[in-house]
Amino acid sequence: ARAAWRGPSPLADLTPDDLLASECKITVERVAEKMWRSTSEKCPNAYKGASYAISLGVIVDGRYANWDRGFAADGAVVWGPAGGGYVFVRK
């Protein structure tokens, strides 16, 4: 059997509702010229025993920094980098 993603239009029937978690909201806002910031609310998440996850991101000067972390109900970090996010550089 051929994988659906190899088809000519694997996402043709996809709608924005298919991509949104109903209990999670991510906001992207322009902070300055060529600088964007994204933040999320407490999104339900059960990975590695987490209760919720928070995602932060910044886009500036061809770089994207992303910091996703999962938290236990008491606020303790249970997954994700402790000291800062991952930085991706456009080449």
PDB file of N, CA and C in Angstrom:
ATOM      1  N   ALA A   1       0.847  -1.187   0.000  1.00  0.00           N
ATOM      2  CA  ALA A   1       0.000   0.000   0.000  1.00  0.00           C
ATOM      3  C   ALA A   1       0.888   1.244   0.000  1.00  0.00           C
ATOM      4  N   ARG A   2       0.469   2.223  -0.750  1.00  0.00           N
ATOM      5  CA  ARG A   2       1.220   3.471  -0.858  1.00  0.00           C
ATOM      6  C   ARG A   2       0.811   4.419   0.272  1.00  0.00           C
ATOM      7  N   ALA A   3       1.768   5.102   0.850  1.00  0.00           N
ATOM      8  CA  ALA A   3       1.477   6.031   1.943  1.00  0.00           C
ATOM      9  C   ALA A   3       0.695   7.227   1.418  1.00  0.00           C
ATOM     10  N   ALA A   4      -0.300   7.676   2.185  1.00  0.00           N
ATOM     11  CA  ALA A   4      -1.157   8.792   1.764  1.00  0.00           C
ATOM     12  C   ALA A   4      -0.360  10.061   1.510  1.00  0.00           C
ATOM     13  N   TRP A   5       0.702  10.279   2.269  1.00  0.00           N
ATOM     14  CA  TRP A   5       1.478  11.507   2.105  1.00  0.00           C
ATOM     15  C   TRP A   5       2.189  11.577   0.761  1.00  0.00           C
ATOM     16  N   ARG A   6       2.282  10.423   0.068  1.00  0.00           N
ATOM     17  CA  ARG A   6       2.911  10.420  -1.257  1.00  0.00           C
ATOM     18  C   ARG A   6       1.922  10.739  -2.371  1.00  0.00           C
ATOM     19  N   GLY A   7       0.667  10.853  -2.056  1.00  0.00           N
ATOM     20  CA  GLY A   7      -0.357  11.140  -3.053  1.00  0.00           C
ATOM     21  C   GLY A   7      -0.211  12.543  -3.617  1.00  0.00           C
ATOM     22  N   PRO A   8      -0.949  12.862  -4.680  1.00  0.00           N
ATOM     23  CA  PRO A   8      -0.825  14.168  -5.323  1.00  0.00           C
ATOM     24  C   PRO A   8      -1.298  15.335  -4.451  1.00  0.00           C
ATOM     25  N   SER A   9      -2.282  15.127  -3.603  1.00  0.00           N
ATOM     26  CA  SER A   9      -2.809  16.194  -2.740  1.00  0.00           C
ATOM     27  C   SER A   9      -3.168  15.628  -1.370  1.00  0.00           C
ATOM     28  N   PRO A  10      -2.178  15.210  -0.588  1.00  0.00           N
ATOM     29  CA  PRO A  10      -2.483  14.541   0.681  1.00  0.00           C
ATOM     30  C   PRO A  10      -3.193  15.421   1.703  1.00  0.00           C
ATOM     31  N   LEU A  11      -3.107  16.730   1.548  1.00  0.00           N
ATOM     32  CA  LEU A  11      -3.721  17.640   2.520  1.00  0.00           C
ATOM     33  C   LEU A  11      -4.911  18.392   1.946  1.00  0.00           C
ATOM     34  N   ALA A  12      -5.417  17.947   0.823  1.00  0.00           N
ATOM     35  CA  ALA A  12      -6.486  18.670   0.129  1.00  0.00           C
ATOM     36  C   ALA A  12      -7.730  18.864   0.988  1.00  0.00           C
ATOM     37  N   ASP A  13      -8.054  17.906   1.824  1.00  0.00           N
ATOM     38  CA  ASP A  13      -9.265  17.995   2.644  1.00  0.00           C
ATOM     39  C   ASP A  13      -9.006  18.580   4.030  1.00  0.00           C
ATOM     40  N   LEU A  14      -7.797  18.997   4.297  1.00  0.00           N
ATOM     41  CA  LEU A  14      -7.434  19.535   5.603  1.00  0.00           C
ATOM     42  C   LEU A  14      -8.019  20.931   5.789  1.00  0.00           C
ATOM     43  N   THR A  15      -8.568  21.187   6.967  1.00  0.00           N
ATOM     44  CA  THR A  15      -9.125  22.497   7.295  1.00  0.00           C
ATOM     45  C   THR A  15      -8.401  23.043   8.532  1.00  0.00           C
ATOM     46  N   PRO A  16      -8.493  24.338   8.804  1.00  0.00           N
ATOM     47  CA  PRO A  16      -7.871  24.879  10.018  1.00  0.00           C
ATOM     48  C   PRO A  16      -8.353  24.180  11.289  1.00  0.00           C
ATOM     49  N   ASP A  17      -9.610  23.755  11.319  1.00  0.00           N
ATOM     50  CA  ASP A  17     -10.127  23.066  12.503  1.00  0.00           C
ATOM     51  C   ASP A  17      -9.408  21.747  12.751  1.00  0.00           C
ATOM     52  N   ASP A  18      -8.878  21.119  11.691  1.00  0.00           N
ATOM     53  CA  ASP A  18      -8.134  19.873  11.846  1.00  0.00           C
ATOM     54  C   ASP A  18      -6.795  20.106  12.537  1.00  0.00           C
ATOM     55  N   LEU A  19      -6.301  21.323  12.511  1.00  0.00           N
ATOM     56  CA  LEU A  19      -4.989  21.638  13.060  1.00  0.00           C
ATOM     57  C   LEU A  19      -5.039  22.247  14.453  1.00  0.00           C
ATOM     58  N   LEU A  20      -6.172  22.705  14.880  1.00  0.00           N
ATOM     59  CA  LEU A  20      -6.283  23.404  16.149  1.00  0.00           C
ATOM     60  C   LEU A  20      -6.731  22.488  17.269  1.00  0.00           C
ATOM     61  N   ALA A  21      -6.011  22.521  18.364  1.00  0.00           N
ATOM     62  CA  ALA A  21      -6.464  21.840  19.569  1.00  0.00           C
ATOM     63  C   ALA A  21      -7.464  22.782  20.231  1.00  0.00           C
ATOM     64  N   SER A  22      -8.653  22.311  20.481  1.00  0.00           N
ATOM     65  CA  SER A  22      -9.708  23.196  20.969  1.00  0.00           C
ATOM     66  C   SER A  22      -9.391  23.831  22.322  1.00  0.00           C
ATOM     67  N   GLU A  23      -8.496  23.224  23.082  1.00  0.00           N
ATOM     68  CA  GLU A  23      -8.179  23.750  24.406  1.00  0.00           C
ATOM     69  C   GLU A  23      -6.834  24.482  24.432  1.00  0.00           C
ATOM     70  N   CYS A  24      -6.289  24.797  23.269  1.00  0.00           N
ATOM     71  CA  CYS A  24      -4.963  25.392  23.205  1.00  0.00           C
ATOM     72  C   CYS A  24      -4.975  26.569  22.242  1.00  0.00           C
ATOM     73  N   LYS A  25      -4.344  27.655  22.643  1.00  0.00           N
ATOM     74  CA  LYS A  25      -4.304  28.843  21.799  1.00  0.00           C
ATOM     75  C   LYS A  25      -2.859  29.328  21.692  1.00  0.00           C
ATOM     76  N   ILE A  26      -2.396  29.531  20.460  1.00  0.00           N
ATOM     77  CA  ILE A  26      -1.064  30.074  20.226  1.00  0.00           C
ATOM     78  C   ILE A  26      -1.230  31.416  19.523  1.00  0.00           C
ATOM     79  N   THR A  27      -0.587  32.435  20.044  1.00  0.00           N
ATOM     80  CA  THR A  27      -0.685  33.778  19.490  1.00  0.00           C
ATOM     81  C   THR A  27       0.655  34.172  18.877  1.00  0.00           C
ATOM     82  N   VAL A  28       0.616  34.686  17.652  1.00  0.00           N
ATOM     83  CA  VAL A  28       1.816  35.193  16.990  1.00  0.00           C
ATOM     84  C   VAL A  28       1.606  36.686  16.792  1.00  0.00           C
ATOM     85  N   GLU A  29       2.557  37.491  17.247  1.00  0.00           N
ATOM     86  CA  GLU A  29       2.413  38.938  17.119  1.00  0.00           C
ATOM     87  C   GLU A  29       3.706  39.581  16.634  1.00  0.00           C
ATOM     88  N   ARG A  30       3.554  40.645  15.881  1.00  0.00           N
ATOM     89  CA  ARG A  30       4.705  41.405  15.407  1.00  0.00           C
ATOM     90  C   ARG A  30       5.157  42.326  16.538  1.00  0.00           C
ATOM     91  N   VAL A  31       6.406  42.208  16.922  1.00  0.00           N
ATOM     92  CA  VAL A  31       6.961  42.988  18.017  1.00  0.00           C
ATOM     93  C   VAL A  31       7.670  44.229  17.488  1.00  0.00           C
ATOM     94  N   ALA A  32       8.371  44.080  16.372  1.00  0.00           N
ATOM     95  CA  ALA A  32       9.110  45.181  15.743  1.00  0.00           C
ATOM     96  C   ALA A  32       9.313  44.812  14.279  1.00  0.00           C
ATOM     97  N   GLU A  33       9.944  45.702  13.526  1.00  0.00           N
ATOM     98  CA  GLU A  33      10.244  45.412  12.125  1.00  0.00           C
ATOM     99  C   GLU A  33      11.052  44.112  12.036  1.00  0.00           C
ATOM    100  N   LYS A  34      10.561  43.158  11.280  1.00  0.00           N
ATOM    101  CA  LYS A  34      11.208  41.856  11.068  1.00  0.00           C
ATOM    102  C   LYS A  34      11.390  41.052  12.349  1.00  0.00           C
ATOM    103  N   MET A  35      10.558  41.284  13.344  1.00  0.00           N
ATOM    104  CA  MET A  35      10.638  40.506  14.583  1.00  0.00           C
ATOM    105  C   MET A  35       9.241  40.078  15.008  1.00  0.00           C
ATOM    106  N   TRP A  36       9.081  38.770  15.219  1.00  0.00           N
ATOM    107  CA  TRP A  36       7.792  38.191  15.603  1.00  0.00           C
ATOM    108  C   TRP A  36       7.972  37.362  16.862  1.00  0.00           C
ATOM    109  N   ARG A  37       6.922  37.297  17.669  1.00  0.00           N
ATOM    110  CA  ARG A  37       6.952  36.507  18.894  1.00  0.00           C
ATOM    111  C   ARG A  37       5.695  35.649  18.944  1.00  0.00           C
ATOM    112  N   SER A  38       5.858  34.398  19.361  1.00  0.00           N
ATOM    113  CA  SER A  38       4.691  33.537  19.555  1.00  0.00           C
ATOM    114  C   SER A  38       4.661  33.065  21.001  1.00  0.00           C
ATOM    115  N   THR A  39       3.469  32.983  21.549  1.00  0.00           N
ATOM    116  CA  THR A  39       3.281  32.481  22.907  1.00  0.00           C
ATOM    117  C   THR A  39       2.058  31.579  22.922  1.00  0.00           C
ATOM    118  N   SER A  40       2.033  30.670  23.853  1.00  0.00           N
ATOM    119  CA  SER A  40       0.862  29.809  23.991  1.00  0.00           C
ATOM    120  C   SER A  40       0.358  29.875  25.421  1.00  0.00           C
ATOM    121  N   GLU A  41      -0.900  29.509  25.553  1.00  0.00           N
ATOM    122  CA  GLU A  41      -1.469  29.371  26.886  1.00  0.00           C
ATOM    123  C   GLU A  41      -1.087  27.984  27.387  1.00  0.00           C
ATOM    124  N   LYS A  42      -1.581  27.603  28.527  1.00  0.00           N
ATOM    125  CA  LYS A  42      -1.330  26.263  29.045  1.00  0.00           C
ATOM    126  C   LYS A  42      -2.112  25.258  28.203  1.00  0.00           C
ATOM    127  N   CYS A  43      -1.413  24.590  27.288  1.00  0.00           N
ATOM    128  CA  CYS A  43      -2.046  23.618  26.403  1.00  0.00           C
ATOM    129  C   CYS A  43      -1.993  22.236  27.049  1.00  0.00           C
ATOM    130  N   PRO A  44      -3.124  21.531  27.146  1.00  0.00           N
ATOM    131  CA  PRO A  44      -3.119  20.190  27.730  1.00  0.00           C
ATOM    132  C   PRO A  44      -2.073  19.311  27.043  1.00  0.00           C
ATOM    133  N   ASN A  45      -1.313  18.565  27.844  1.00  0.00           N
ATOM    134  CA  ASN A  45      -0.238  17.742  27.311  1.00  0.00           C
ATOM    135  C   ASN A  45       0.072  16.643  28.309  1.00  0.00           C
ATOM    136  N   ALA A  46       0.178  15.394  27.851  1.00  0.00           N
ATOM    137  CA  ALA A  46       0.437  14.273  28.751  1.00  0.00           C
ATOM    138  C   ALA A  46       1.801  13.629  28.512  1.00  0.00           C
ATOM    139  N   TYR A  47       2.610  14.191  27.620  1.00  0.00           N
ATOM    140  CA  TYR A  47       3.914  13.614  27.302  1.00  0.00           C
ATOM    141  C   TYR A  47       4.810  13.599  28.537  1.00  0.00           C
ATOM    142  N   LYS A  48       5.402  12.453  28.825  1.00  0.00           N
ATOM    143  CA  LYS A  48       6.320  12.266  29.962  1.00  0.00           C
ATOM    144  C   LYS A  48       5.718  12.721  31.289  1.00  0.00           C
ATOM    145  N   GLY A  49       4.407  12.553  31.443  1.00  0.00           N
ATOM    146  CA  GLY A  49       3.751  12.880  32.699  1.00  0.00           C
ATOM    147  C   GLY A  49       3.374  14.340  32.872  1.00  0.00           C
ATOM    148  N   ALA A  50       3.487  15.118  31.817  1.00  0.00           N
ATOM    149  CA  ALA A  50       3.122  16.536  31.910  1.00  0.00           C
ATOM    150  C   ALA A  50       1.617  16.696  32.065  1.00  0.00           C
ATOM    151  N   SER A  51       1.221  17.820  32.599  1.00  0.00           N
ATOM    152  CA  SER A  51      -0.183  18.198  32.709  1.00  0.00           C
ATOM    153  C   SER A  51      -0.528  19.220  31.625  1.00  0.00           C
ATOM    154  N   TYR A  52       0.445  20.092  31.319  1.00  0.00           N
ATOM    155  CA  TYR A  52       0.250  21.102  30.283  1.00  0.00           C
ATOM    156  C   TYR A  52       1.602  21.478  29.678  1.00  0.00           C
ATOM    157  N   ALA A  53       1.564  22.136  28.522  1.00  0.00           N
ATOM    158  CA  ALA A  53       2.782  22.587  27.852  1.00  0.00           C
ATOM    159  C   ALA A  53       2.653  24.059  27.499  1.00  0.00           C
ATOM    160  N   ILE A  54       3.779  24.723  27.434  1.00  0.00           N
ATOM    161  CA  ILE A  54       3.838  26.120  27.011  1.00  0.00           C
ATOM    162  C   ILE A  54       4.901  26.226  25.922  1.00  0.00           C
ATOM    163  N   SER A  55       4.594  26.969  24.881  1.00  0.00           N
ATOM    164  CA  SER A  55       5.517  27.153  23.769  1.00  0.00           C
ATOM    165  C   SER A  55       5.796  28.641  23.579  1.00  0.00           C
ATOM    166  N   LEU A  56       7.066  28.987  23.464  1.00  0.00           N
ATOM    167  CA  LEU A  56       7.472  30.364  23.199  1.00  0.00           C
ATOM    168  C   LEU A  56       8.362  30.362  21.964  1.00  0.00           C
ATOM    169  N   GLY A  57       8.272  31.392  21.150  1.00  0.00           N
ATOM    170  CA  GLY A  57       9.112  31.461  19.964  1.00  0.00           C
ATOM    171  C   GLY A  57       9.391  32.894  19.579  1.00  0.00           C
ATOM    172  N   VAL A  58      10.543  33.105  18.936  1.00  0.00           N
ATOM    173  CA  VAL A  58      10.912  34.427  18.431  1.00  0.00           C
ATOM    174  C   VAL A  58      11.521  34.243  17.048  1.00  0.00           C
ATOM    175  N   ILE A  59      11.099  35.082  16.103  1.00  0.00           N
ATOM    176  CA  ILE A  59      11.668  35.088  14.757  1.00  0.00           C
ATOM    177  C   ILE A  59      12.301  36.458  14.543  1.00  0.00           C
ATOM    178  N   VAL A  60      13.603  36.471  14.247  1.00  0.00           N
ATOM    179  CA  VAL A  60      14.303  37.731  13.990  1.00  0.00           C
ATOM    180  C   VAL A  60      15.586  37.450  13.204  1.00  0.00           C
ATOM    181  N   ASP A  61      15.868  38.290  12.216  1.00  0.00           N
ATOM    182  CA  ASP A  61      17.109  38.224  11.441  1.00  0.00           C
ATOM    183  C   ASP A  61      17.458  36.825  10.933  1.00  0.00           C
ATOM    184  N   GLY A  62      16.509  36.139  10.337  1.00  0.00           N
ATOM    185  CA  GLY A  62      16.791  34.827   9.768  1.00  0.00           C
ATOM    186  C   GLY A  62      16.992  33.729  10.789  1.00  0.00           C
ATOM    187  N   ARG A  63      16.596  33.985  12.012  1.00  0.00           N
ATOM    188  CA  ARG A  63      16.708  32.984  13.081  1.00  0.00           C
ATOM    189  C   ARG A  63      15.348  32.758  13.715  1.00  0.00           C
ATOM    190  N   TYR A  64      15.129  31.517  14.112  1.00  0.00           N
ATOM    191  CA  TYR A  64      13.907  31.174  14.834  1.00  0.00           C
ATOM    192  C   TYR A  64      14.323  30.475  16.112  1.00  0.00           C
ATOM    193  N   ALA A  65      13.936  31.014  17.236  1.00  0.00           N
ATOM    194  CA  ALA A  65      14.206  30.391  18.529  1.00  0.00           C
ATOM    195  C   ALA A  65      12.892  29.846  19.065  1.00  0.00           C
ATOM    196  N   ASN A  66      12.901  28.584  19.467  1.00  0.00           N
ATOM    197  CA  ASN A  66      11.698  27.917  19.944  1.00  0.00           C
ATOM    198  C   ASN A  66      11.984  27.269  21.296  1.00  0.00           C
ATOM    199  N   TRP A  67      11.080  27.481  22.239  1.00  0.00           N
ATOM    200  CA  TRP A  67      11.249  26.926  23.576  1.00  0.00           C
ATOM    201  C   TRP A  67       9.936  26.289  23.996  1.00  0.00           C
ATOM    202  N   ASP A  68       9.847  24.974  23.837  1.00  0.00           N
ATOM    203  CA  ASP A  68       8.672  24.212  24.254  1.00  0.00           C
ATOM    204  C   ASP A  68       9.015  23.466  25.532  1.00  0.00           C
ATOM    205  N   ARG A  69       8.128  23.545  26.511  1.00  0.00           N
ATOM    206  CA  ARG A  69       8.345  22.823  27.765  1.00  0.00           C
ATOM    207  C   ARG A  69       7.030  22.262  28.279  1.00  0.00           C
ATOM    208  N   GLY A  70       7.131  21.100  28.928  1.00  0.00           N
ATOM    209  CA  GLY A  70       5.978  20.474  29.557  1.00  0.00           C
ATOM    210  C   GLY A  70       6.096  20.596  31.066  1.00  0.00           C
ATOM    211  N   PHE A  71       4.959  20.826  31.717  1.00  0.00           N
ATOM    212  CA  PHE A  71       4.945  21.047  33.160  1.00  0.00           C
ATOM    213  C   PHE A  71       3.990  20.089  33.859  1.00  0.00           C
ATOM    214  N   ALA A  72       4.349  19.676  35.062  1.00  0.00           N
ATOM    215  CA  ALA A  72       3.449  18.906  35.917  1.00  0.00           C
ATOM    216  C   ALA A  72       2.402  19.864  36.477  1.00  0.00           C
ATOM    217  N   ALA A  73       1.356  19.315  37.066  1.00  0.00           N
ATOM    218  CA  ALA A  73       0.283  20.144  37.623  1.00  0.00           C
ATOM    219  C   ALA A  73       0.805  21.137  38.664  1.00  0.00           C
ATOM    220  N   ASP A  74       1.895  20.770  39.363  1.00  0.00           N
ATOM    221  CA  ASP A  74       2.451  21.668  40.387  1.00  0.00           C
ATOM    222  C   ASP A  74       3.398  22.729  39.814  1.00  0.00           C
ATOM    223  N   GLY A  75       3.573  22.745  38.478  1.00  0.00           N
ATOM    224  CA  GLY A  75       4.413  23.745  37.835  1.00  0.00           C
ATOM    225  C   GLY A  75       5.847  23.321  37.584  1.00  0.00           C
ATOM    226  N   ALA A  76       6.227  22.121  38.030  1.00  0.00           N
ATOM    227  CA  ALA A  76       7.588  21.636  37.806  1.00  0.00           C
ATOM    228  C   ALA A  76       7.779  21.257  36.336  1.00  0.00           C
ATOM    229  N   VAL A  77       8.931  21.604  35.762  1.00  0.00           N
ATOM    230  CA  VAL A  77       9.232  21.251  34.372  1.00  0.00           C
ATOM    231  C   VAL A  77       9.502  19.751  34.300  1.00  0.00           C
ATOM    232  N   VAL A  78       8.808  19.038  33.381  1.00  0.00           N
ATOM    233  CA  VAL A  78       9.027  17.597  33.231  1.00  0.00           C
ATOM    234  C   VAL A  78       9.652  17.234  31.887  1.00  0.00           C
ATOM    235  N   TRP A  79       9.618  18.125  30.925  1.00  0.00           N
ATOM    236  CA  TRP A  79      10.331  17.910  29.661  1.00  0.00           C
ATOM    237  C   TRP A  79      10.620  19.242  28.992  1.00  0.00           C
ATOM    238  N   GLY A  80      11.594  19.231  28.120  1.00  0.00           N
ATOM    239  CA  GLY A  80      12.002  20.434  27.396  1.00  0.00           C
ATOM    240  C   GLY A  80      13.280  21.000  27.977  1.00  0.00           C
ATOM    241  N   PRO A  81      13.963  21.838  27.207  1.00  0.00           N
ATOM    242  CA  PRO A  81      15.228  22.408  27.675  1.00  0.00           C
ATOM    243  C   PRO A  81      15.018  23.356  28.851  1.00  0.00           C
ATOM    244  N   ALA A  82      15.890  23.254  29.839  1.00  0.00           N
ATOM    245  CA  ALA A  82      15.755  24.076  31.040  1.00  0.00           C
ATOM    246  C   ALA A  82      16.289  25.495  30.848  1.00  0.00           C
ATOM    247  N   GLY A  83      17.392  25.643  30.125  1.00  0.00           N
ATOM    248  CA  GLY A  83      18.065  26.929  30.062  1.00  0.00           C
ATOM    249  C   GLY A  83      17.682  27.837  28.917  1.00  0.00           C
ATOM    250  N   GLY A  84      16.923  27.365  27.979  1.00  0.00           N
ATOM    251  CA  GLY A  84      16.560  28.190  26.831  1.00  0.00           C
ATOM    252  C   GLY A  84      16.144  27.317  25.670  1.00  0.00           C
ATOM    253  N   GLY A  85      15.665  27.945  24.637  1.00  0.00           N
ATOM    254  CA  GLY A  85      15.125  27.199  23.514  1.00  0.00           C
ATOM    255  C   GLY A  85      16.155  26.766  22.493  1.00  0.00           C
ATOM    256  N   TYR A  86      15.649  26.119  21.465  1.00  0.00           N
ATOM    257  CA  TYR A  86      16.463  25.708  20.329  1.00  0.00           C
ATOM    258  C   TYR A  86      16.491  26.851  19.327  1.00  0.00           C
ATOM    259  N   VAL A  87      17.638  27.112  18.724  1.00  0.00           N
ATOM    260  CA  VAL A  87      17.764  28.189  17.748  1.00  0.00           C
ATOM    261  C   VAL A  87      18.042  27.583  16.376  1.00  0.00           C
ATOM    262  N   PHE A  88      17.223  27.965  15.406  1.00  0.00           N
ATOM    263  CA  PHE A  88      17.374  27.511  14.031  1.00  0.00           C
ATOM    264  C   PHE A  88      17.799  28.713  13.196  1.00  0.00           C
ATOM    265  N   VAL A  89      18.842  28.549  12.373  1.00  0.00           N
ATOM    266  CA  VAL A  89      19.384  29.637  11.571  1.00  0.00           C
ATOM    267  C   VAL A  89      19.117  29.364  10.097  1.00  0.00           C
ATOM    268  N   ARG A  90      18.533  30.341   9.421  1.00  0.00           N
ATOM    269  CA  ARG A  90      18.269  30.213   7.987  1.00  0.00           C
ATOM    270  C   ARG A  90      19.576  30.402   7.220  1.00  0.00           C
ATOM    271  N   LYS A  91      19.833  29.496   6.290  1.00  0.00           N
ATOM    272  CA  LYS A  91      21.074  29.582   5.494  1.00  0.00           C
ATOM    273  C   LYS A  91      20.754  29.846   4.058  1.00  0.00           C
TER     274      LYS A  91
END
